[in-house]
Amino acid sequence: MRKNFFWGASTAANQVEGGWNQDGKGVSIIDILAQTDNFRKETDGVQEGKYYSSHQAVDFYNRYVEDIAMMAEMGINTYRMSIAWTRIYPTGLESEPNEAGLVFYDRVFDLLKENGIEPIVTISHYESPFELAKQGGWSKRTMIDYYLKYCQTIFKRYQDKVKYWIPFNEMNCMLVPFGIMTAGGIFASIDSPENTLQLRLQCLHHQFVANAKAVKLGKSINPNFQFGCMIASMLSYPLTPHPDDIRLADKNNLINNMFCSDVLIRGDYPYYIKEYFEENSIELAMEVEDVDILKAGTVDFYSCSYYMSSCIGNDRSAAEVSGNLLSGLKNPYLIESEFGWQIDPKGMEIFLHRVYDRYGLPIMIVENGLGAKDELIDGHVHDDYRIAYLREHIKILEEVIAKGVDVIGYLPWSAIDLMALSTGTIDKRYGFIYVDVDNQGNGSFNRYKKDSFYWYKKVIASDGKEL
């Protein structure tokens, strides 16, 4: 690998921390998603008698010392994590931050430093305050100021502890209906008539402005700060060589994969988005100064998640697949995981070449992994299937880097088992570390190193040579 390569792993606060009401933390949009028939359903506040998996998650909040020690033993030099907004500003409306929340992350960052682990911090990873969600979340321009107040607090507090910042997680998921509450921070269900593309694109515009302002603010506090965009790769192949399918795939890839990063990296709306807006009758409310704001606050690096690919075409009878926000048509040349996610390491090669050719910025892969029903037997988890998945993607990564693509980090999802975003369950596990807890929060919460833990430790120690 390249010199000073970031070998790491990733998590998100809302999926690992728990401690939902400890030490002054407020209620986030994830904290009101209750378990209902293996799925999550929003409730109007936290209600008695319902189970919310985020409330305890895997209890990183109380076990972070143990967890970071295990990460250090695995050998990672980078940990992508997020800060829970409601630990810092419980409702988002406060004029002063919650000191106990700030102290918690001081301790986390200090412990990471002691263990030689560089934090890469996502500022907003689906954790908007519930109080702001009830007021319309990111559909309201006022959300920008609440977000910047939060940013200023953490930038100043951690200016000597954090260098790499990602303002928003998987920003392009605002393009799909699932993004209404998680990314959009709006208290509305996925199937609500309120959940329109028009509304979500208005949210996205406000996030573009907030992202740019956060970059400028951060660099005024510490010029050495590095900011990245974070895009969910939704790679689409044409289902057939028919020119119509090829054009359909081209347009789909531009909108889903390049639109958000074009704005965040190039600093303005791309030419092709005009056609998309016209086709969908989109009219955004923008301020005159937004043009200059976007230009002045572009990011320094590109980061992304990559799990799978799909096809797109005009054949209405073709079989469908879905996974991690991505839905499309089944590719007959790929195998699937037990959860139906198509496994396509070659797609990562295609995607990374396209991104680097377009932007020429350093790239971090901050999510890549296999969800599976791991089984704990006598304190051991034999997850050869996960090792096989990661091995093939790291092989591709090495080939891509050898060809000149500047990939600076690989941080698989996830460092430790965590609660799934869409279902709130844990039976689809991703971690290198197994947590003894079930879908209803029952268990010892003891940690166990999986076979993949020891395998990844060897990979890191050999700088990718021992796969």
Protein backbone atom coordinates (compact mmCIF):
# COMPACT_ATOMS: atom_id res chain seq x y z
CA MET A 1 0.00 0.00 0.00
CA ARG A 2 0.94 3.67 -0.19
CA LYS A 3 3.02 5.20 2.61
CA ASN A 4 1.03 6.07 5.78
CA PHE A 5 -2.01 4.13 4.57
CA PHE A 6 -5.04 4.29 6.86
CA TRP A 7 -5.93 0.75 7.88
CA GLY A 8 -9.04 1.16 9.97
CA ALA A 9 -12.63 0.31 10.76
CA SER A 10 -15.85 2.27 11.14
CA THR A 11 -18.98 2.67 13.26
CA ALA A 12 -21.69 5.28 13.91
CA ALA A 13 -22.69 6.63 17.32
CA ASN A 14 -26.40 5.90 16.90
CA GLN A 15 -25.63 2.24 16.16
CA VAL A 16 -23.04 1.50 18.86
CA GLU A 17 -23.11 3.98 21.73
CA GLY A 18 -26.35 3.43 23.58
CA GLY A 19 -26.50 5.56 26.73
CA TRP A 20 -29.37 7.37 25.04
CA ASN A 21 -30.28 9.46 28.11
CA GLN A 22 -27.04 9.33 30.11
CA ASP A 23 -25.18 12.45 31.21
CA GLY A 24 -27.60 14.91 29.68
CA LYS A 25 -27.91 13.44 26.19
CA GLY A 26 -31.10 14.46 24.38
CA VAL A 27 -33.43 12.46 22.16
CA SER A 28 -32.31 12.01 18.55
CA ILE A 29 -34.36 10.99 15.53
CA ILE A 30 -33.00 7.44 15.86
CA ASP A 31 -34.03 7.27 19.53
CA ILE A 32 -37.73 7.37 18.61
CA LEU A 33 -37.55 4.51 16.09
CA ALA A 34 -39.18 1.54 17.84
CA GLN A 35 -38.86 -2.11 16.83
CA THR A 36 -41.93 -3.39 14.98
CA ASP A 37 -41.90 -6.80 13.28
CA ASN A 38 -38.20 -6.77 12.47
CA PHE A 39 -38.37 -3.18 11.28
CA ARG A 40 -38.33 0.30 12.79
CA LYS A 41 -41.34 2.59 13.12
CA GLU A 42 -41.22 6.18 14.33
CA THR A 43 -43.15 7.09 17.48
CA ASP A 44 -44.04 10.56 18.71
CA GLY A 45 -41.31 10.67 21.31
CA VAL A 46 -40.08 7.79 23.46
CA GLN A 47 -43.09 5.74 24.56
CA GLU A 48 -43.53 3.37 27.48
CA GLY A 49 -43.60 -0.32 26.65
CA LYS A 50 -41.81 -0.06 23.30
CA TYR A 51 -38.31 -1.29 22.53
CA TYR A 52 -35.80 1.10 20.95
CA SER A 53 -32.56 -0.63 20.04
CA SER A 54 -30.55 2.61 19.90
CA HIS A 55 -31.15 3.21 23.60
CA GLN A 56 -28.57 0.64 24.59
CA ALA A 57 -27.20 -0.44 21.20
CA VAL A 58 -23.97 -2.33 22.02
CA ASP A 59 -23.15 -0.01 24.94
CA PHE A 60 -19.99 1.56 23.54
CA TYR A 61 -20.76 4.57 25.74
CA ASN A 62 -19.96 2.56 28.86
CA ARG A 63 -17.49 0.09 27.31
CA TYR A 64 -15.43 2.31 25.04
CA VAL A 65 -12.21 1.62 26.98
CA GLU A 66 -12.56 -2.11 26.36
CA ASP A 67 -13.61 -1.61 22.74
CA ILE A 68 -10.76 0.74 21.85
CA ALA A 69 -8.30 -1.64 23.49
CA MET A 70 -9.55 -4.41 21.20
CA MET A 71 -9.32 -2.15 18.16
CA ALA A 72 -5.74 -1.32 19.11
CA GLU A 73 -4.97 -5.02 19.50
CA MET A 74 -6.32 -5.59 16.00
CA GLY A 75 -3.77 -3.05 14.80
CA ILE A 76 -5.94 -0.40 13.17
CA ASN A 77 -4.39 3.07 12.92
CA THR A 78 -7.64 4.83 12.02
CA TYR A 79 -11.16 4.77 13.45
CA ARG A 80 -14.07 6.40 11.68
CA MET A 81 -16.73 7.30 14.22
CA SER A 82 -19.42 9.90 14.65
CA ILE A 83 -20.32 12.38 17.36
CA ALA A 84 -23.89 12.23 18.60
CA TRP A 85 -25.26 15.75 18.07
CA THR A 86 -27.68 15.35 21.02
CA ARG A 87 -24.81 14.63 23.43
CA ILE A 88 -23.51 18.11 22.66
CA TYR A 89 -26.81 19.99 22.19
CA PRO A 90 -29.63 17.82 23.60
CA THR A 91 -32.42 19.51 21.65
CA GLY A 92 -30.30 21.52 19.25
CA LEU A 93 -31.86 24.71 20.61
CA GLU A 94 -29.58 25.29 23.60
CA SER A 95 -27.24 28.27 23.64
CA GLU A 96 -24.61 26.38 25.65
CA PRO A 97 -23.34 22.86 25.01
CA ASN A 98 -23.63 19.90 27.35
CA GLU A 99 -20.24 19.66 29.02
CA ALA A 100 -20.66 16.00 29.97
CA GLY A 101 -21.10 15.09 26.31
CA LEU A 102 -17.98 17.02 25.34
CA VAL A 103 -16.00 15.32 28.09
CA PHE A 104 -17.03 11.89 26.82
CA TYR A 105 -15.56 12.53 23.39
CA ASP A 106 -12.46 14.10 24.97
CA ARG A 107 -11.90 10.76 26.67
CA VAL A 108 -12.53 8.79 23.48
CA PHE A 109 -10.15 10.93 21.42
CA ASP A 110 -7.47 10.87 24.12
CA LEU A 111 -7.66 7.09 24.36
CA LEU A 112 -7.48 6.74 20.58
CA LYS A 113 -4.36 8.92 20.56
CA GLU A 114 -2.77 6.86 23.32
CA ASN A 115 -3.24 3.81 21.10
CA GLY A 116 -1.95 5.45 17.93
CA ILE A 117 -5.38 5.55 16.27
CA GLU A 118 -6.36 8.56 14.12
CA PRO A 119 -10.04 9.52 14.47
CA ILE A 120 -12.01 10.36 11.34
CA VAL A 121 -15.16 12.02 12.62
CA THR A 122 -18.54 12.17 10.95
CA ILE A 123 -20.34 15.23 12.28
CA SER A 124 -23.88 14.25 11.26
CA HIS A 125 -24.52 10.52 10.91
CA TYR A 126 -28.32 10.25 11.08
CA GLU A 127 -28.49 11.72 14.60
CA SER A 128 -30.36 15.02 14.29
CA PRO A 129 -32.11 16.19 17.47
CA PHE A 130 -35.73 15.05 17.62
CA GLU A 131 -36.81 18.52 18.70
CA LEU A 132 -35.46 19.98 15.45
CA ALA A 133 -36.99 17.10 13.46
CA LYS A 134 -40.44 18.10 14.71
CA GLN A 135 -39.79 21.60 13.36
CA GLY A 136 -39.04 20.30 9.88
CA GLY A 137 -35.40 19.27 10.15
CA TRP A 138 -33.28 20.00 7.10
CA SER A 139 -36.27 21.18 5.09
CA LYS A 140 -35.91 24.43 7.08
CA ARG A 141 -33.02 26.78 6.34
CA THR A 142 -32.75 27.56 10.06
CA MET A 143 -31.27 24.07 10.48
CA ILE A 144 -28.04 25.40 8.96
CA ASP A 145 -27.45 27.73 11.91
CA TYR A 146 -28.19 25.03 14.50
CA TYR A 147 -25.75 22.72 12.74
CA LEU A 148 -23.02 25.38 12.53
CA LYS A 149 -23.38 26.14 16.24
CA TYR A 150 -22.76 22.45 16.89
CA CYS A 151 -19.83 22.44 14.44
CA GLN A 152 -18.19 25.48 16.01
CA THR A 153 -18.37 23.86 19.43
CA ILE A 154 -16.73 20.60 18.41
CA PHE A 155 -14.20 22.26 16.07
CA LYS A 156 -12.94 24.48 18.90
CA ARG A 157 -13.06 21.77 21.54
CA TYR A 158 -11.28 19.11 19.50
CA GLN A 159 -9.10 21.26 17.25
CA ASP A 160 -5.95 19.55 18.53
CA LYS A 161 -7.46 16.04 18.68
CA VAL A 162 -9.25 15.61 15.35
CA LYS A 163 -7.86 16.44 11.92
CA TYR A 164 -10.24 14.62 9.54
CA TRP A 165 -13.92 15.58 9.43
CA ILE A 166 -16.86 14.32 7.35
CA PRO A 167 -19.74 16.81 7.70
CA PHE A 168 -22.52 14.44 6.53
CA ASN A 169 -22.80 10.69 6.12
CA GLU A 170 -23.85 9.25 2.73
CA MET A 171 -25.21 12.59 1.60
CA ASN A 172 -26.71 11.18 -1.60
CA CYS A 173 -29.18 9.04 0.33
CA MET A 174 -31.39 12.13 0.40
CA LEU A 175 -32.23 11.10 -3.17
CA VAL A 176 -34.08 7.98 -1.98
CA PRO A 177 -37.25 7.86 0.17
CA PHE A 178 -35.45 6.14 3.06
CA GLY A 179 -33.50 9.35 3.66
CA ILE A 180 -36.48 11.40 4.87
CA MET A 181 -35.89 10.95 8.60
CA THR A 182 -32.40 9.53 8.87
CA ALA A 183 -30.57 11.98 6.61
CA GLY A 184 -33.23 14.65 6.29
CA GLY A 185 -33.92 14.84 10.01
CA ILE A 186 -37.65 15.24 9.38
CA PHE A 187 -40.21 13.61 11.65
CA ALA A 188 -42.12 11.81 8.90
CA SER A 189 -42.45 8.18 7.84
CA ILE A 190 -41.02 6.76 4.64
CA ASP A 191 -44.52 6.21 3.23
CA SER A 192 -45.78 9.64 4.26
CA PRO A 193 -47.20 11.84 1.45
CA GLU A 194 -44.88 14.50 2.85
CA ASN A 195 -41.90 12.41 1.71
CA THR A 196 -41.42 13.83 -1.77
CA LEU A 197 -38.33 14.21 -3.93
CA GLN A 198 -38.97 17.96 -3.91
CA LEU A 199 -38.77 18.07 -0.11
CA ARG A 200 -35.70 15.85 0.10
CA LEU A 201 -33.83 17.89 -2.53
CA GLN A 202 -34.62 21.06 -0.61
CA CYS A 203 -33.12 19.37 2.46
CA LEU A 204 -30.11 18.42 0.38
CA HIS A 205 -29.57 22.00 -0.76
CA HIS A 206 -29.56 23.20 2.83
CA GLN A 207 -27.02 20.50 3.64
CA PHE A 208 -24.83 21.58 0.72
CA VAL A 209 -24.78 25.11 2.13
CA ALA A 210 -24.18 23.85 5.67
CA ASN A 211 -21.36 21.60 4.46
CA ALA A 212 -19.62 24.47 2.68
CA LYS A 213 -20.02 26.80 5.64
CA ALA A 214 -18.70 24.10 8.00
CA VAL A 215 -15.58 23.69 5.85
CA LYS A 216 -14.90 27.42 5.89
CA LEU A 217 -15.61 27.67 9.62
CA GLY A 218 -13.41 24.69 10.45
CA LYS A 219 -10.43 25.97 8.50
CA SER A 220 -10.73 29.35 10.20
CA ILE A 221 -10.33 27.54 13.53
CA ASN A 222 -7.59 25.16 12.39
CA PRO A 223 -6.18 25.52 8.85
CA ASN A 224 -4.87 21.95 9.09
CA PHE A 225 -8.35 20.47 9.27
CA GLN A 226 -9.18 18.16 6.35
CA PHE A 227 -12.79 17.82 5.21
CA GLY A 228 -14.29 15.08 3.08
CA CYS A 229 -17.57 14.32 1.41
CA MET A 230 -19.12 10.90 2.04
CA ILE A 231 -21.06 9.23 -0.76
CA ALA A 232 -22.92 5.91 -0.80
CA SER A 233 -21.80 4.20 -3.98
CA MET A 234 -24.87 3.15 -5.97
CA LEU A 235 -23.08 1.74 -9.00
CA SER A 236 -25.43 0.69 -11.81
CA TYR A 237 -24.57 -1.39 -14.86
CA PRO A 238 -26.78 -1.39 -17.97
CA LEU A 239 -28.82 -4.59 -17.93
CA THR A 240 -28.23 -5.10 -21.65
CA PRO A 241 -26.01 -3.56 -24.36
CA HIS A 242 -29.07 -1.82 -25.80
CA PRO A 243 -28.22 1.91 -26.17
CA ASP A 244 -31.30 2.85 -24.17
CA ASP A 245 -30.13 0.77 -21.22
CA ILE A 246 -26.63 2.21 -21.48
CA ARG A 247 -27.93 5.76 -21.47
CA LEU A 248 -30.25 4.94 -18.57
CA ALA A 249 -27.29 3.62 -16.56
CA ASP A 250 -25.19 6.67 -17.43
CA LYS A 251 -27.89 9.05 -16.22
CA ASN A 252 -28.52 6.99 -13.09
CA ASN A 253 -24.84 6.96 -12.18
CA LEU A 254 -24.54 10.70 -12.67
CA ILE A 255 -27.51 11.50 -10.43
CA ASN A 256 -26.95 8.90 -7.72
CA ASN A 257 -23.16 8.82 -7.58
CA MET A 258 -21.81 12.12 -8.89
CA PHE A 259 -24.37 14.85 -8.26
CA CYS A 260 -23.66 15.37 -4.55
CA SER A 261 -19.90 15.06 -4.87
CA ASP A 262 -19.91 17.41 -7.88
CA VAL A 263 -21.48 20.11 -5.71
CA LEU A 264 -19.25 19.42 -2.70
CA ILE A 265 -16.00 19.14 -4.67
CA ARG A 266 -16.54 21.46 -7.64
CA GLY A 267 -18.63 23.98 -5.76
CA ASP A 268 -21.71 24.30 -7.93
CA TYR A 269 -24.67 22.42 -9.36
CA PRO A 270 -23.65 20.37 -12.46
CA TYR A 271 -25.14 21.00 -15.88
CA TYR A 272 -26.98 17.66 -16.05
CA ILE A 273 -29.02 18.32 -12.93
CA LYS A 274 -31.16 20.84 -14.81
CA GLU A 275 -32.67 18.06 -16.92
CA TYR A 276 -33.28 15.95 -13.81
CA PHE A 277 -35.02 18.85 -12.04
CA GLU A 278 -37.19 19.52 -15.10
CA GLU A 279 -38.16 15.85 -15.42
CA ASN A 280 -39.22 15.78 -11.77
CA SER A 281 -40.73 19.29 -11.54
CA ILE A 282 -38.21 20.36 -8.90
CA GLU A 283 -37.96 24.02 -7.91
CA LEU A 284 -35.57 24.78 -5.08
CA ALA A 285 -35.57 27.79 -2.78
CA MET A 286 -32.04 29.20 -2.85
CA GLU A 287 -30.47 32.40 -1.60
CA VAL A 288 -28.38 34.56 -3.94
CA GLU A 289 -25.30 34.12 -1.75
CA ASP A 290 -25.49 30.31 -1.94
CA VAL A 291 -23.55 30.30 -5.21
CA ASP A 292 -20.54 31.94 -3.56
CA ILE A 293 -20.90 29.87 -0.38
CA LEU A 294 -20.71 26.59 -2.31
CA LYS A 295 -17.65 27.78 -4.22
CA ALA A 296 -15.84 28.86 -1.07
CA GLY A 297 -16.34 25.67 0.95
CA THR A 298 -15.25 22.72 -1.17
CA VAL A 299 -13.86 19.58 0.45
CA ASP A 300 -10.32 18.16 0.53
CA PHE A 301 -10.89 14.44 0.09
CA TYR A 302 -13.50 11.99 -1.14
CA SER A 303 -14.87 9.19 1.01
CA CYS A 304 -17.48 6.58 0.24
CA SER A 305 -19.19 3.39 1.24
CA TYR A 306 -19.06 0.46 -1.16
CA TYR A 307 -21.01 -2.75 -0.65
CA MET A 308 -22.53 -3.90 -3.92
CA SER A 309 -23.75 -2.97 -7.39
CA SER A 310 -26.90 -3.59 -9.40
CA CYS A 311 -28.20 -3.28 -12.94
CA ILE A 312 -30.68 -0.90 -14.52
CA GLY A 313 -32.65 -1.35 -17.71
CA ASN A 314 -36.00 -1.18 -19.45
CA ASP A 315 -36.96 -4.85 -18.99
CA ARG A 316 -39.89 -4.69 -16.57
CA SER A 317 -39.79 -8.44 -15.99
CA ALA A 318 -36.19 -8.54 -14.74
CA ALA A 319 -35.58 -9.73 -11.17
CA GLU A 320 -34.86 -7.06 -8.56
CA VAL A 321 -32.24 -6.78 -5.81
CA SER A 322 -31.61 -4.27 -3.03
CA GLY A 323 -29.15 -3.38 -0.31
CA ASN A 324 -27.75 -0.29 1.48
CA LEU A 325 -30.08 2.24 -0.15
CA LEU A 326 -29.41 0.66 -3.53
CA SER A 327 -32.20 -1.06 -5.43
CA GLY A 328 -32.03 -2.25 -8.98
CA LEU A 329 -32.07 -5.26 -11.22
CA LYS A 330 -30.26 -8.52 -10.59
CA ASN A 331 -26.92 -9.10 -12.27
CA PRO A 332 -26.78 -12.73 -13.50
CA TYR A 333 -22.98 -12.76 -13.28
CA LEU A 334 -22.79 -12.09 -9.54
CA ILE A 335 -23.36 -14.17 -6.42
CA GLU A 336 -25.34 -12.88 -3.45
CA SER A 337 -24.90 -12.82 0.32
CA GLU A 338 -27.45 -14.59 2.51
CA PHE A 339 -29.28 -11.27 2.71
CA GLY A 340 -29.46 -10.91 -1.07
CA TRP A 341 -26.72 -8.29 -1.48
CA GLN A 342 -24.80 -8.88 -4.71
CA ILE A 343 -21.06 -9.31 -4.14
CA ASP A 344 -19.04 -7.38 -6.71
CA PRO A 345 -15.40 -6.51 -5.88
CA LYS A 346 -14.80 -5.60 -9.54
CA GLY A 347 -17.49 -2.95 -9.19
CA MET A 348 -15.36 -1.23 -6.56
CA GLU A 349 -12.53 -1.03 -9.09
CA ILE A 350 -14.83 0.51 -11.67
CA PHE A 351 -16.25 2.97 -9.16
CA LEU A 352 -12.89 4.11 -7.78
CA HIS A 353 -11.43 4.69 -11.24
CA ARG A 354 -14.45 6.79 -12.21
CA VAL A 355 -14.25 8.88 -9.03
CA TYR A 356 -10.50 9.50 -9.25
CA ASP A 357 -10.65 10.30 -12.95
CA ARG A 358 -13.37 12.84 -12.23
CA TYR A 359 -11.93 14.58 -9.16
CA GLY A 360 -8.28 13.65 -8.65
CA LEU A 361 -8.71 13.89 -4.87
CA PRO A 362 -7.46 11.40 -2.25
CA ILE A 363 -10.06 8.69 -1.59
CA MET A 364 -10.99 6.88 1.60
CA ILE A 365 -13.25 3.83 1.60
CA VAL A 366 -14.95 4.32 4.95
CA GLU A 367 -17.50 1.51 4.67
CA ASN A 368 -17.18 -1.92 3.06
CA GLY A 369 -18.27 -5.18 4.62
CA LEU A 370 -20.49 -8.23 4.71
CA GLY A 371 -23.57 -8.57 6.86
CA ALA A 372 -24.17 -12.15 7.99
CA LYS A 373 -25.80 -14.22 10.74
CA ASP A 374 -22.72 -15.03 12.75
CA GLU A 375 -22.89 -17.85 15.27
CA LEU A 376 -21.05 -17.76 18.60
CA ILE A 377 -19.86 -21.27 19.51
CA ASP A 378 -17.78 -21.79 22.66
CA GLY A 379 -16.58 -18.21 22.52
CA HIS A 380 -15.59 -18.34 18.85
CA VAL A 381 -17.09 -17.01 15.61
CA HIS A 382 -15.85 -18.66 12.43
CA ASP A 383 -16.69 -16.06 9.77
CA ASP A 384 -14.73 -17.29 6.76
CA TYR A 385 -17.42 -15.79 4.51
CA ARG A 386 -16.58 -12.29 5.80
CA ILE A 387 -12.87 -12.89 5.36
CA ALA A 388 -13.47 -14.02 1.78
CA TYR A 389 -15.51 -10.90 1.02
CA LEU A 390 -12.96 -8.50 2.51
CA ARG A 391 -10.00 -10.32 0.96
CA GLU A 392 -11.35 -9.93 -2.58
CA HIS A 393 -12.06 -6.24 -2.06
CA ILE A 394 -8.59 -5.59 -0.62
CA LYS A 395 -7.05 -7.36 -3.65
CA ILE A 396 -8.95 -4.98 -5.91
CA LEU A 397 -7.86 -2.06 -3.74
CA GLU A 398 -4.20 -2.99 -4.16
CA GLU A 399 -4.62 -3.23 -7.95
CA VAL A 400 -6.33 0.15 -8.09
CA ILE A 401 -3.61 1.83 -6.03
CA ALA A 402 -0.91 0.20 -8.17
CA LYS A 403 -2.53 1.79 -11.23
CA GLY A 404 -2.27 5.26 -9.71
CA VAL A 405 -5.56 5.87 -7.95
CA ASP A 406 -4.78 7.73 -4.71
CA VAL A 407 -6.70 5.64 -2.18
CA ILE A 408 -5.40 6.67 1.24
CA GLY A 409 -7.55 4.54 3.54
CA TYR A 410 -9.64 1.41 3.94
CA LEU A 411 -12.02 1.38 6.92
CA PRO A 412 -14.44 -1.56 6.72
CA TRP A 413 -17.87 -1.61 8.27
CA SER A 414 -17.72 -2.33 11.07
CA ALA A 415 -15.23 -2.37 13.93
CA ILE A 416 -17.74 -4.06 16.22
CA ASP A 417 -21.22 -5.54 15.78
CA LEU A 418 -23.86 -2.84 15.79
CA MET A 419 -27.57 -2.21 15.35
CA ALA A 420 -28.66 -2.10 11.71
CA LEU A 421 -29.84 1.27 10.47
CA SER A 422 -33.00 0.13 8.67
CA THR A 423 -34.23 -2.62 11.00
CA GLY A 424 -32.61 -1.73 14.31
CA THR A 425 -31.70 -5.39 14.71
CA ILE A 426 -28.28 -6.95 15.23
CA ASP A 427 -28.74 -10.40 13.65
CA LYS A 428 -27.17 -9.13 10.42
CA ARG A 429 -23.70 -8.61 11.84
CA TYR A 430 -20.76 -6.78 10.27
CA GLY A 431 -18.17 -6.45 13.02
CA PHE A 432 -14.72 -7.90 13.58
CA ILE A 433 -15.83 -8.10 17.22
CA TYR A 434 -18.92 -10.08 18.23
CA VAL A 435 -21.26 -8.63 20.86
CA ASP A 436 -23.43 -11.04 22.83
CA VAL A 437 -26.79 -9.33 22.48
CA ASP A 438 -29.92 -10.21 20.51
CA ASN A 439 -32.50 -8.20 18.58
CA GLN A 440 -34.38 -7.32 21.77
CA GLY A 441 -31.34 -6.22 23.75
CA ASN A 442 -30.97 -9.45 25.73
CA GLY A 443 -27.49 -10.81 26.42
CA SER A 444 -24.31 -10.36 28.40
CA PHE A 445 -22.90 -7.71 26.02
CA ASN A 446 -19.58 -9.53 26.31
CA ARG A 447 -17.17 -9.03 23.40
CA TYR A 448 -15.57 -11.86 21.41
CA LYS A 449 -12.93 -11.63 18.69
CA LYS A 450 -14.09 -13.27 15.47
CA ASP A 451 -11.79 -15.16 13.09
CA SER A 452 -11.93 -12.05 10.88
CA PHE A 453 -10.43 -10.04 13.77
CA TYR A 454 -7.27 -12.15 13.75
CA TRP A 455 -7.20 -12.25 9.94
CA TYR A 456 -7.47 -8.46 9.62
CA LYS A 457 -4.76 -8.07 12.26
CA LYS A 458 -2.38 -10.04 10.00
CA VAL A 459 -3.45 -8.06 6.95
CA ILE A 460 -2.65 -4.77 8.69
CA ALA A 461 0.62 -6.00 10.18
CA SER A 462 1.77 -7.12 6.71
CA ASP A 463 0.48 -3.91 5.07
CA GLY A 464 -1.87 -5.95 2.93
CA LYS A 465 0.66 -8.53 1.79
CA GLU A 466 -0.75 -11.40 3.87
CA LEU A 467 -4.31 -11.95 2.72
